[in-house]
PDB file of N, CA and C in Angstrom:
ATOM      1  N   MET A   1     172.520   3.996 160.836  1.00  0.00           N
ATOM      2  CA  MET A   1     173.745   3.281 160.524  1.00  0.00           C
ATOM      3  C   MET A   1     173.643   2.796 159.091  1.00  0.00           C
ATOM      4  N   TRP A   2     174.707   2.884 158.358  1.00  0.00           N
ATOM      5  CA  TRP A   2     174.739   2.474 156.970  1.00  0.00           C
ATOM      6  C   TRP A   2     175.483   1.158 156.854  1.00  0.00           C
ATOM      7  N   LEU A   3     174.883   0.211 156.140  1.00  0.00           N
ATOM      8  CA  LEU A   3     175.530  -1.068 155.842  1.00  0.00           C
ATOM      9  C   LEU A   3     175.636  -1.199 154.342  1.00  0.00           C
ATOM     10  N   SER A   4     176.717  -1.767 153.878  1.00  0.00           N
ATOM     11  CA  SER A   4     176.885  -1.915 152.435  1.00  0.00           C
ATOM     12  C   SER A   4     175.852  -2.885 151.887  1.00  0.00           C
ATOM     13  N   ARG A   5     175.421  -2.636 150.670  1.00  0.00           N
ATOM     14  CA  ARG A   5     174.445  -3.491 149.999  1.00  0.00           C
ATOM     15  C   ARG A   5     174.988  -4.915 149.900  1.00  0.00           C
ATOM     16  N   ALA A   6     176.297  -5.053 149.651  1.00  0.00           N
ATOM     17  CA  ALA A   6     176.900  -6.389 149.536  1.00  0.00           C
ATOM     18  C   ALA A   6     176.783  -7.157 150.849  1.00  0.00           C
ATOM     19  N   LEU A   7     177.006  -6.475 151.975  1.00  0.00           N
ATOM     20  CA  LEU A   7     176.896  -7.132 153.274  1.00  0.00           C
ATOM     21  C   LEU A   7     175.465  -7.576 153.530  1.00  0.00           C
ATOM     22  N   ILE A   8     174.524  -6.681 153.271  1.00  0.00           N
ATOM     23  CA  ILE A   8     173.120  -7.028 153.491  1.00  0.00           C
ATOM     24  C   ILE A   8     172.695  -8.171 152.582  1.00  0.00           C
ATOM     25  N   ASN A   9     173.049  -8.092 151.292  1.00  0.00           N
ATOM     26  CA  ASN A   9     172.689  -9.163 150.354  1.00  0.00           C
ATOM     27  C   ASN A   9     173.326 -10.479 150.753  1.00  0.00           C
ATOM     28  N   GLY A  10     174.565 -10.435 151.218  1.00  0.00           N
ATOM     29  CA  GLY A  10     175.251 -11.655 151.634  1.00  0.00           C
ATOM     30  C   GLY A  10     174.574 -12.296 152.832  1.00  0.00           C
ATOM     31  N   LEU A  11     174.190 -11.496 153.800  1.00  0.00           N
ATOM     32  CA  LEU A  11     173.510 -12.024 154.977  1.00  0.00           C
ATOM     33  C   LEU A  11     172.127 -12.552 154.626  1.00  0.00           C
ATOM     34  N   CYS A  12     171.427 -11.841 153.731  1.00  0.00           N
ATOM     35  CA  CYS A  12     170.089 -12.285 153.339  1.00  0.00           C
ATOM     36  C   CYS A  12     170.151 -13.568 152.534  1.00  0.00           C
ATOM     37  N   ALA A  13     171.180 -13.705 151.706  1.00  0.00           N
ATOM     38  CA  ALA A  13     171.321 -14.917 150.892  1.00  0.00           C
ATOM     39  C   ALA A  13     171.487 -16.145 151.769  1.00  0.00           C
ATOM     40  N   GLU A  14     172.081 -15.966 152.942  1.00  0.00           N
ATOM     41  CA  GLU A  14     172.259 -17.078 153.868  1.00  0.00           C
ATOM     42  C   GLU A  14     170.986 -17.345 154.661  1.00  0.00           C
ATOM     43  N   GLY A  15     169.966 -16.529 154.471  1.00  0.00           N
ATOM     44  CA  GLY A  15     168.702 -16.734 155.153  1.00  0.00           C
ATOM     45  C   GLY A  15     168.662 -16.218 156.569  1.00  0.00           C
ATOM     46  N   LYS A  16     169.652 -15.458 156.984  1.00  0.00           N
ATOM     47  CA  LYS A  16     169.694 -14.975 158.360  1.00  0.00           C
ATOM     48  C   LYS A  16     168.891 -13.694 158.560  1.00  0.00           C
ATOM     49  N   ILE A  17     168.868 -12.807 157.581  1.00  0.00           N
ATOM     50  CA  ILE A  17     168.168 -11.532 157.705  1.00  0.00           C
ATOM     51  C   ILE A  17     167.237 -11.374 156.506  1.00  0.00           C
ATOM     52  N   PRO A  18     165.945 -11.260 156.742  1.00  0.00           N
ATOM     53  CA  PRO A  18     165.018 -11.076 155.618  1.00  0.00           C
ATOM     54  C   PRO A  18     165.117  -9.660 155.060  1.00  0.00           C
ATOM     55  N   PRO A  19     164.719  -9.451 153.819  1.00  0.00           N
ATOM     56  CA  PRO A  19     164.742  -8.108 153.227  1.00  0.00           C
ATOM     57  C   PRO A  19     163.906  -7.128 154.061  1.00  0.00           C
ATOM     58  N   ASN A  20     164.342  -5.883 154.114  1.00  0.00           N
ATOM     59  CA  ASN A  20     163.666  -4.791 154.819  1.00  0.00           C
ATOM     60  C   ASN A  20     163.539  -5.021 156.325  1.00  0.00           C
ATOM     61  N   ALA A  21     164.354  -5.898 156.875  1.00  0.00           N
ATOM     62  CA  ALA A  21     164.330  -6.146 158.311  1.00  0.00           C
ATOM     63  C   ALA A  21     164.969  -4.973 159.042  1.00  0.00           C
ATOM     64  N   THR A  22     164.547  -4.750 160.256  1.00  0.00           N
ATOM     65  CA  THR A  22     165.159  -3.734 161.098  1.00  0.00           C
ATOM     66  C   THR A  22     166.314  -4.384 161.842  1.00  0.00           C
ATOM     67  N   LEU A  23     167.479  -3.821 161.686  1.00  0.00           N
ATOM     68  CA  LEU A  23     168.660  -4.351 162.363  1.00  0.00           C
ATOM     69  C   LEU A  23     168.920  -3.526 163.613  1.00  0.00           C
ATOM     70  N   MET A  24     169.191  -4.191 164.717  1.00  0.00           N
ATOM     71  CA  MET A  24     169.504  -3.504 165.961  1.00  0.00           C
ATOM     72  C   MET A  24     170.882  -3.961 166.413  1.00  0.00           C
ATOM     73  N   PHE A  25     171.697  -2.997 166.826  1.00  0.00           N
ATOM     74  CA  PHE A  25     173.051  -3.286 167.262  1.00  0.00           C
ATOM     75  C   PHE A  25     173.214  -2.864 168.708  1.00  0.00           C
ATOM     76  N   GLU A  26     173.913  -3.663 169.471  1.00  0.00           N
ATOM     77  CA  GLU A  26     174.262  -3.289 170.825  1.00  0.00           C
ATOM     78  C   GLU A  26     175.730  -2.876 170.808  1.00  0.00           C
ATOM     79  N   ILE A  27     176.001  -1.663 171.285  1.00  0.00           N
ATOM     80  CA  ILE A  27     177.349  -1.126 171.259  1.00  0.00           C
ATOM     81  C   ILE A  27     177.791  -0.862 172.687  1.00  0.00           C
ATOM     82  N   GLU A  28     178.980  -1.336 173.023  1.00  0.00           N
ATOM     83  CA  GLU A  28     179.516  -1.105 174.354  1.00  0.00           C
ATOM     84  C   GLU A  28     180.586  -0.027 174.278  1.00  0.00           C
ATOM     85  N   LEU A  29     180.443   0.993 175.095  1.00  0.00           N
ATOM     86  CA  LEU A  29     181.389   2.095 175.133  1.00  0.00           C
ATOM     87  C   LEU A  29     182.504   1.757 176.115  1.00  0.00           C
ATOM     88  N   TYR A  30     183.733   1.763 175.630  1.00  0.00           N
ATOM     89  CA  TYR A  30     184.874   1.420 176.480  1.00  0.00           C
ATOM     90  C   TYR A  30     185.523   2.634 177.124  1.00  0.00           C
ATOM     91  N   ALA A  31     185.516   3.764 176.428  1.00  0.00           N
ATOM     92  CA  ALA A  31     186.193   4.944 176.971  1.00  0.00           C
ATOM     93  C   ALA A  31     185.660   6.204 176.304  1.00  0.00           C
ATOM     94  N   VAL A  32     185.757   7.295 177.040  1.00  0.00           N
ATOM     95  CA  VAL A  32     185.435   8.612 176.500  1.00  0.00           C
ATOM     96  C   VAL A  32     186.657   9.482 176.740  1.00  0.00           C
ATOM     97  N   THR A  33     187.190  10.054 175.672  1.00  0.00           N
ATOM     98  CA  THR A  33     188.338  10.938 175.803  1.00  0.00           C
ATOM     99  C   THR A  33     188.027  12.252 175.105  1.00  0.00           C
ATOM    100  N   LYS A  34     188.703  13.289 175.514  1.00  0.00           N
ATOM    101  CA  LYS A  34     188.533  14.575 174.863  1.00  0.00           C
ATOM    102  C   LYS A  34     189.248  14.543 173.520  1.00  0.00           C
ATOM    103  N   GLY A  35     188.591  15.054 172.508  1.00  0.00           N
ATOM    104  CA  GLY A  35     189.150  15.047 171.167  1.00  0.00           C
ATOM    105  C   GLY A  35     190.185  16.127 170.972  1.00  0.00           C
ATOM    106  N   PRO A  36     190.762  16.187 169.770  1.00  0.00           N
ATOM    107  CA  PRO A  36     191.833  17.147 169.509  1.00  0.00           C
ATOM    108  C   PRO A  36     191.377  18.601 169.493  1.00  0.00           C
ATOM    109  N   ARG A  37     190.085  18.876 169.531  1.00  0.00           N
ATOM    110  CA  ARG A  37     189.599  20.252 169.511  1.00  0.00           C
ATOM    111  C   ARG A  37     189.198  20.753 170.893  1.00  0.00           C
ATOM    112  N   SER A  38     189.688  20.148 171.928  1.00  0.00           N
ATOM    113  CA  SER A  38     189.333  20.578 173.278  1.00  0.00           C
ATOM    114  C   SER A  38     190.184  21.778 173.703  1.00  0.00           C
ATOM    115  N   ILE A  39     189.684  22.511 174.675  1.00  0.00           N
ATOM    116  CA  ILE A  39     190.429  23.647 175.220  1.00  0.00           C
ATOM    117  C   ILE A  39     191.730  23.161 175.852  1.00  0.00           C
ATOM    118  N   GLU A  40     191.709  21.963 176.432  1.00  0.00           N
ATOM    119  CA  GLU A  40     192.917  21.414 177.048  1.00  0.00           C
ATOM    120  C   GLU A  40     194.015  21.192 176.007  1.00  0.00           C
ATOM    121  N   THR A  41     193.630  20.678 174.846  1.00  0.00           N
ATOM    122  CA  THR A  41     194.617  20.459 173.781  1.00  0.00           C
ATOM    123  C   THR A  41     195.155  21.790 173.274  1.00  0.00           C
ATOM    124  N   PHE A  42     194.279  22.780 173.115  1.00  0.00           N
ATOM    125  CA  PHE A  42     194.734  24.103 172.690  1.00  0.00           C
ATOM    126  C   PHE A  42     195.780  24.633 173.657  1.00  0.00           C
ATOM    127  N   LYS A  43     195.495  24.535 174.963  1.00  0.00           N
ATOM    128  CA  LYS A  43     196.438  25.020 175.972  1.00  0.00           C
ATOM    129  C   LYS A  43     197.745  24.230 175.960  1.00  0.00           C
ATOM    130  N   GLN A  44     197.652  22.939 175.678  1.00  0.00           N
ATOM    131  CA  GLN A  44     198.850  22.104 175.613  1.00  0.00           C
ATOM    132  C   GLN A  44     199.732  22.520 174.436  1.00  0.00           C
ATOM    133  N   ILE A  45     199.133  22.840 173.319  1.00  0.00           N
ATOM    134  CA  ILE A  45     199.889  23.263 172.130  1.00  0.00           C
ATOM    135  C   ILE A  45     200.454  24.664 172.327  1.00  0.00           C
ATOM    136  N   ASP A  46     199.704  25.536 172.987  1.00  0.00           N
ATOM    137  CA  ASP A  46     200.085  26.937 173.187  1.00  0.00           C
ATOM    138  C   ASP A  46     201.144  27.050 174.293  1.00  0.00           C
ATOM    139  N   THR A  47     202.375  26.675 173.975  1.00  0.00           N
ATOM    140  CA  THR A  47     203.439  26.590 174.980  1.00  0.00           C
ATOM    141  C   THR A  47     203.850  27.949 175.554  1.00  0.00           C
ATOM    142  N   ASP A  48     203.655  29.049 174.812  1.00  0.00           N
ATOM    143  CA  ASP A  48     204.027  30.363 175.338  1.00  0.00           C
ATOM    144  C   ASP A  48     202.837  31.110 175.955  1.00  0.00           C
ATOM    145  N   ASN A  49     201.694  30.441 176.024  1.00  0.00           N
ATOM    146  CA  ASN A  49     200.488  30.980 176.675  1.00  0.00           C
ATOM    147  C   ASN A  49     200.044  32.341 176.154  1.00  0.00           C
ATOM    148  N   ASP A  50     200.181  32.557 174.840  1.00  0.00           N
ATOM    149  CA  ASP A  50     199.750  33.837 174.277  1.00  0.00           C
ATOM    150  C   ASP A  50     198.358  33.753 173.632  1.00  0.00           C
ATOM    151  N   ARG A  51     197.653  32.658 173.861  1.00  0.00           N
ATOM    152  CA  ARG A  51     196.304  32.413 173.355  1.00  0.00           C
ATOM    153  C   ARG A  51     196.213  32.418 171.834  1.00  0.00           C
ATOM    154  N   GLN A  52     197.293  32.004 171.191  1.00  0.00           N
ATOM    155  CA  GLN A  52     197.292  31.768 169.750  1.00  0.00           C
ATOM    156  C   GLN A  52     198.349  30.723 169.445  1.00  0.00           C
ATOM    157  N   LEU A  53     198.105  29.956 168.396  1.00  0.00           N
ATOM    158  CA  LEU A  53     199.025  28.876 168.042  1.00  0.00           C
ATOM    159  C   LEU A  53     199.872  29.278 166.853  1.00  0.00           C
ATOM    160  N   SER A  54     201.179  29.246 167.040  1.00  0.00           N
ATOM    161  CA  SER A  54     202.110  29.555 165.954  1.00  0.00           C
ATOM    162  C   SER A  54     202.456  28.275 165.207  1.00  0.00           C
ATOM    163  N   LYS A  55     203.073  28.440 164.039  1.00  0.00           N
ATOM    164  CA  LYS A  55     203.516  27.261 163.284  1.00  0.00           C
ATOM    165  C   LYS A  55     204.529  26.458 164.086  1.00  0.00           C
ATOM    166  N   ALA A  56     205.413  27.141 164.807  1.00  0.00           N
ATOM    167  CA  ALA A  56     206.435  26.444 165.602  1.00  0.00           C
ATOM    168  C   ALA A  56     205.791  25.606 166.703  1.00  0.00           C
ATOM    169  N   GLU A  57     204.754  26.144 167.352  1.00  0.00           N
ATOM    170  CA  GLU A  57     204.081  25.407 168.421  1.00  0.00           C
ATOM    171  C   GLU A  57     203.353  24.173 167.878  1.00  0.00           C
ATOM    172  N   ILE A  58     202.672  24.350 166.758  1.00  0.00           N
ATOM    173  CA  ILE A  58     201.955  23.213 166.177  1.00  0.00           C
ATOM    174  C   ILE A  58     202.935  22.187 165.628  1.00  0.00           C
ATOM    175  N   GLU A  59     204.023  22.648 165.044  1.00  0.00           N
ATOM    176  CA  GLU A  59     205.041  21.724 164.542  1.00  0.00           C
ATOM    177  C   GLU A  59     205.621  20.871 165.677  1.00  0.00           C
ATOM    178  N   LEU A  60     205.899  21.481 166.810  1.00  0.00           N
ATOM    179  CA  LEU A  60     206.407  20.749 167.971  1.00  0.00           C
ATOM    180  C   LEU A  60     205.384  19.727 168.460  1.00  0.00           C
ATOM    181  N   TYR A  61     204.116  20.138 168.539  1.00  0.00           N
ATOM    182  CA  TYR A  61     203.047  19.229 168.965  1.00  0.00           C
ATOM    183  C   TYR A  61     202.929  18.042 168.005  1.00  0.00           C
ATOM    184  N   LEU A  62     202.971  18.331 166.700  1.00  0.00           N
ATOM    185  CA  LEU A  62     202.878  17.260 165.701  1.00  0.00           C
ATOM    186  C   LEU A  62     204.053  16.301 165.810  1.00  0.00           C
ATOM    187  N   GLN A  63     205.262  16.837 166.015  1.00  0.00           N
ATOM    188  CA  GLN A  63     206.442  15.986 166.171  1.00  0.00           C
ATOM    189  C   GLN A  63     206.264  15.002 167.317  1.00  0.00           C
ATOM    190  N   LYS A  64     205.813  15.518 168.454  1.00  0.00           N
ATOM    191  CA  LYS A  64     205.592  14.654 169.625  1.00  0.00           C
ATOM    192  C   LYS A  64     204.506  13.622 169.347  1.00  0.00           C
ATOM    193  N   ASP A  65     203.447  14.051 168.676  1.00  0.00           N
ATOM    194  CA  ASP A  65     202.347  13.146 168.355  1.00  0.00           C
ATOM    195  C   ASP A  65     202.799  12.064 167.374  1.00  0.00           C
ATOM    196  N   PHE A  66     203.590  12.441 166.379  1.00  0.00           N
ATOM    197  CA  PHE A  66     204.106  11.464 165.413  1.00  0.00           C
ATOM    198  C   PHE A  66     205.053  10.477 166.094  1.00  0.00           C
ATOM    199  N   GLU A  67     205.843  10.942 167.056  1.00  0.00           N
ATOM    200  CA  GLU A  67     206.758  10.058 167.781  1.00  0.00           C
ATOM    201  C   GLU A  67     205.990   9.016 168.586  1.00  0.00           C
ATOM    202  N   LYS A  68     204.870   9.415 169.187  1.00  0.00           N
ATOM    203  CA  LYS A  68     204.037   8.465 169.942  1.00  0.00           C
ATOM    204  C   LYS A  68     203.471   7.391 169.034  1.00  0.00           C
ATOM    205  N   ASP A  69     203.148   7.776 167.810  1.00  0.00           N
ATOM    206  CA  ASP A  69     202.545   6.877 166.835  1.00  0.00           C
ATOM    207  C   ASP A  69     203.532   5.813 166.363  1.00  0.00           C
ATOM    208  N   GLU A  70     204.813   6.125 166.387  1.00  0.00           N
ATOM    209  CA  GLU A  70     205.913   5.233 166.008  1.00  0.00           C
ATOM    210  C   GLU A  70     205.875   4.773 164.552  1.00  0.00           C
ATOM    211  N   LYS A  71     205.146   5.488 163.701  1.00  0.00           N
ATOM    212  CA  LYS A  71     205.168   5.195 162.264  1.00  0.00           C
ATOM    213  C   LYS A  71     206.216   6.112 161.633  1.00  0.00           C
ATOM    214  N   PRO A  72     207.083   5.566 160.808  1.00  0.00           N
ATOM    215  CA  PRO A  72     208.103   6.429 160.185  1.00  0.00           C
ATOM    216  C   PRO A  72     207.463   7.437 159.225  1.00  0.00           C
ATOM    217  N   ARG A  73     207.764   8.723 159.452  1.00  0.00           N
ATOM    218  CA  ARG A  73     207.266   9.782 158.574  1.00  0.00           C
ATOM    219  C   ARG A  73     208.405  10.736 158.292  1.00  0.00           C
ATOM    220  N   ASP A  74     208.554  11.087 157.031  1.00  0.00           N
ATOM    221  CA  ASP A  74     209.627  12.016 156.707  1.00  0.00           C
ATOM    222  C   ASP A  74     209.180  13.453 156.933  1.00  0.00           C
ATOM    223  N   LYS A  75     210.148  14.367 156.907  1.00  0.00           N
ATOM    224  CA  LYS A  75     209.895  15.783 157.189  1.00  0.00           C
ATOM    225  C   LYS A  75     208.914  16.401 156.188  1.00  0.00           C
ATOM    226  N   SER A  76     208.929  15.926 154.939  1.00  0.00           N
ATOM    227  CA  SER A  76     208.020  16.503 153.942  1.00  0.00           C
ATOM    228  C   SER A  76     206.561  16.197 154.294  1.00  0.00           C
ATOM    229  N   TYR A  77     206.316  15.025 154.870  1.00  0.00           N
ATOM    230  CA  TYR A  77     204.955  14.679 155.303  1.00  0.00           C
ATOM    231  C   TYR A  77     204.534  15.587 156.458  1.00  0.00           C
ATOM    232  N   GLN A  78     205.416  15.749 157.433  1.00  0.00           N
ATOM    233  CA  GLN A  78     205.113  16.604 158.577  1.00  0.00           C
ATOM    234  C   GLN A  78     204.857  18.044 158.135  1.00  0.00           C
ATOM    235  N   LYS A  79     205.646  18.527 157.187  1.00  0.00           N
ATOM    236  CA  LYS A  79     205.474  19.890 156.678  1.00  0.00           C
ATOM    237  C   LYS A  79     204.139  20.020 155.950  1.00  0.00           C
ATOM    238  N   ALA A  80     203.757  18.995 155.188  1.00  0.00           N
ATOM    239  CA  ALA A  80     202.481  19.023 154.463  1.00  0.00           C
ATOM    240  C   ALA A  80     201.303  19.059 155.434  1.00  0.00           C
ATOM    241  N   VAL A  81     201.388  18.296 156.519  1.00  0.00           N
ATOM    242  CA  VAL A  81     200.330  18.299 157.533  1.00  0.00           C
ATOM    243  C   VAL A  81     200.227  19.682 158.171  1.00  0.00           C
ATOM    244  N   LEU A  82     201.364  20.268 158.525  1.00  0.00           N
ATOM    245  CA  LEU A  82     201.396  21.593 159.133  1.00  0.00           C
ATOM    246  C   LEU A  82     200.782  22.644 158.201  1.00  0.00           C
ATOM    247  N   GLU A  83     201.180  22.621 156.946  1.00  0.00           N
ATOM    248  CA  GLU A  83     200.645  23.578 155.972  1.00  0.00           C
ATOM    249  C   GLU A  83     199.141  23.398 155.798  1.00  0.00           C
ATOM    250  N   ASP A  84     198.685  22.155 155.788  1.00  0.00           N
ATOM    251  CA  ASP A  84     197.256  21.875 155.648  1.00  0.00           C
ATOM    252  C   ASP A  84     196.469  22.405 156.849  1.00  0.00           C
ATOM    253  N   ILE A  85     197.024  22.245 158.032  1.00  0.00           N
ATOM    254  CA  ILE A  85     196.370  22.760 159.248  1.00  0.00           C
ATOM    255  C   ILE A  85     196.179  24.269 159.132  1.00  0.00           C
ATOM    256  N   PHE A  86     197.222  24.981 158.706  1.00  0.00           N
ATOM    257  CA  PHE A  86     197.111  26.442 158.598  1.00  0.00           C
ATOM    258  C   PHE A  86     196.209  26.855 157.447  1.00  0.00           C
ATOM    259  N   LYS A  87     196.245  26.115 156.362  1.00  0.00           N
ATOM    260  CA  LYS A  87     195.379  26.427 155.221  1.00  0.00           C
ATOM    261  C   LYS A  87     193.907  26.330 155.623  1.00  0.00           C
ATOM    262  N   LYS A  88     193.580  25.339 156.433  1.00  0.00           N
ATOM    263  CA  LYS A  88     192.189  25.107 156.807  1.00  0.00           C
ATOM    264  C   LYS A  88     191.746  25.910 158.032  1.00  0.00           C
ATOM    265  N   ASN A  89     192.675  26.353 158.865  1.00  0.00           N
ATOM    266  CA  ASN A  89     192.292  26.965 160.140  1.00  0.00           C
ATOM    267  C   ASN A  89     192.679  28.429 160.317  1.00  0.00           C
ATOM    268  N   ASP A  90     193.708  28.906 159.631  1.00  0.00           N
ATOM    269  CA  ASP A  90     194.134  30.301 159.791  1.00  0.00           C
ATOM    270  C   ASP A  90     193.288  31.180 158.863  1.00  0.00           C
ATOM    271  N   HIS A  91     192.052  31.426 159.265  1.00  0.00           N
ATOM    272  CA  HIS A  91     191.084  32.102 158.403  1.00  0.00           C
ATOM    273  C   HIS A  91     191.467  33.535 158.064  1.00  0.00           C
ATOM    274  N   ASN A  92     192.109  34.232 158.988  1.00  0.00           N
ATOM    275  CA  ASN A  92     192.469  35.627 158.706  1.00  0.00           C
ATOM    276  C   ASN A  92     193.875  35.774 158.115  1.00  0.00           C
ATOM    277  N   GLY A  93     194.595  34.666 157.969  1.00  0.00           N
ATOM    278  CA  GLY A  93     195.901  34.683 157.307  1.00  0.00           C
ATOM    279  C   GLY A  93     197.004  35.390 158.063  1.00  0.00           C
ATOM    280  N   ASP A  94     196.887  35.507 159.393  1.00  0.00           N
ATOM    281  CA  ASP A  94     197.908  36.216 160.166  1.00  0.00           C
ATOM    282  C   ASP A  94     199.069  35.326 160.612  1.00  0.00           C
ATOM    283  N   GLY A  95     199.047  34.050 160.231  1.00  0.00           N
ATOM    284  CA  GLY A  95     200.133  33.153 160.607  1.00  0.00           C
ATOM    285  C   GLY A  95     199.972  32.521 161.977  1.00  0.00           C
ATOM    286  N   PHE A  96     198.826  32.759 162.607  1.00  0.00           N
ATOM    287  CA  PHE A  96     198.519  32.173 163.914  1.00  0.00           C
ATOM    288  C   PHE A  96     197.104  31.611 163.890  1.00  0.00           C
ATOM    289  N   ILE A  97     196.833  30.645 164.759  1.00  0.00           N
ATOM    290  CA  ILE A  97     195.487  30.096 164.890  1.00  0.00           C
ATOM    291  C   ILE A  97     194.961  30.506 166.264  1.00  0.00           C
ATOM    292  N   SER A  98     193.906  31.291 166.250  1.00  0.00           N
ATOM    293  CA  SER A  98     193.288  31.771 167.486  1.00  0.00           C
ATOM    294  C   SER A  98     192.354  30.689 168.042  1.00  0.00           C
ATOM    295  N   PRO A  99     191.912  30.846 169.295  1.00  0.00           N
ATOM    296  CA  PRO A  99     190.932  29.888 169.825  1.00  0.00           C
ATOM    297  C   PRO A  99     189.672  29.814 168.963  1.00  0.00           C
ATOM    298  N   LYS A 100     189.242  30.956 168.447  1.00  0.00           N
ATOM    299  CA  LYS A 100     188.044  30.963 167.583  1.00  0.00           C
ATOM    300  C   LYS A 100     188.309  30.189 166.294  1.00  0.00           C
ATOM    301  N   GLU A 101     189.480  30.408 165.679  1.00  0.00           N
ATOM    302  CA  GLU A 101     189.820  29.677 164.456  1.00  0.00           C
ATOM    303  C   GLU A 101     190.012  28.195 164.740  1.00  0.00           C
ATOM    304  N   TYR A 102     190.531  27.884 165.894  1.00  0.00           N
ATOM    305  CA  TYR A 102     190.731  26.492 166.323  1.00  0.00           C
ATOM    306  C   TYR A 102     189.394  25.821 166.603  1.00  0.00           C
ATOM    307  N   ASN A 103     188.363  26.648 166.793  1.00  0.00           N
ATOM    308  CA  ASN A 103     186.999  26.161 167.029  1.00  0.00           C
ATOM    309  C   ASN A 103     186.913  25.397 168.341  1.00  0.00           C
ATOM    310  N   VAL A 104     187.459  26.005 169.387  1.00  0.00           N
ATOM    311  CA  VAL A 104     187.464  25.377 170.701  1.00  0.00           C
ATOM    312  C   VAL A 104     186.058  25.399 171.279  1.00  0.00           C
ATOM    313  N   HIS A 105     185.623  24.244 171.749  1.00  0.00           N
ATOM    314  CA  HIS A 105     184.338  24.117 172.416  1.00  0.00           C
ATOM    315  C   HIS A 105     184.543  23.333 173.694  1.00  0.00           C
ATOM    316  N   GLN A 106     183.833  23.719 174.728  1.00  0.00           N
ATOM    317  CA  GLN A 106     183.812  22.918 175.944  1.00  0.00           C
ATOM    318  C   GLN A 106     182.422  22.316 176.049  1.00  0.00           C
ATOM    319  N   HIS A 107     182.370  21.022 176.293  1.00  0.00           N
ATOM    320  CA  HIS A 107     181.097  20.324 176.411  1.00  0.00           C
ATOM    321  C   HIS A 107     180.984  19.699 177.787  1.00  0.00           C
ATOM    322  N   ASP A 108     179.842  19.889 178.414  1.00  0.00           N
ATOM    323  CA  ASP A 108     179.606  19.319 179.733  1.00  0.00           C
ATOM    324  C   ASP A 108     178.793  18.028 179.667  1.00  0.00           C
ATOM    325  N   GLU A 109     178.430  17.594 178.451  1.00  0.00           N
ATOM    326  CA  GLU A 109     177.556  16.434 178.338  1.00  0.00           C
ATOM    327  C   GLU A 109     178.215  15.154 178.840  1.00  0.00           C
ATOM    328  N   LEU A 110     179.532  15.040 178.672  1.00  0.00           N
ATOM    329  CA  LEU A 110     180.196  13.774 179.002  1.00  0.00           C
ATOM    330  C   LEU A 110     180.916  13.847 180.308  1.00  0.00           C
TER     331      LEU A 110
END
């Protein structure tokens, strides 16, 4: 875990933590959810079940996701996000994102 030098110096100046001390944190996990790269999310976006994601399918998914967020976003922002998704994920340039390009992984650890 990384702590800023200012935070460490501030705590040490108050005499609470000596220099080079080992800090231990207790973290409580409240929930585990599947992230946006799950097979379930891919299937949810793939509305025509052709095992590839089109711009129209991702645009619809983003619209719904932005509506849930309730933050005002104009169409140019949504278009920029969509273009960025394809720029980073459509490796073969065919205008679709395949499961391999989407980097779908299933994990049984959780």
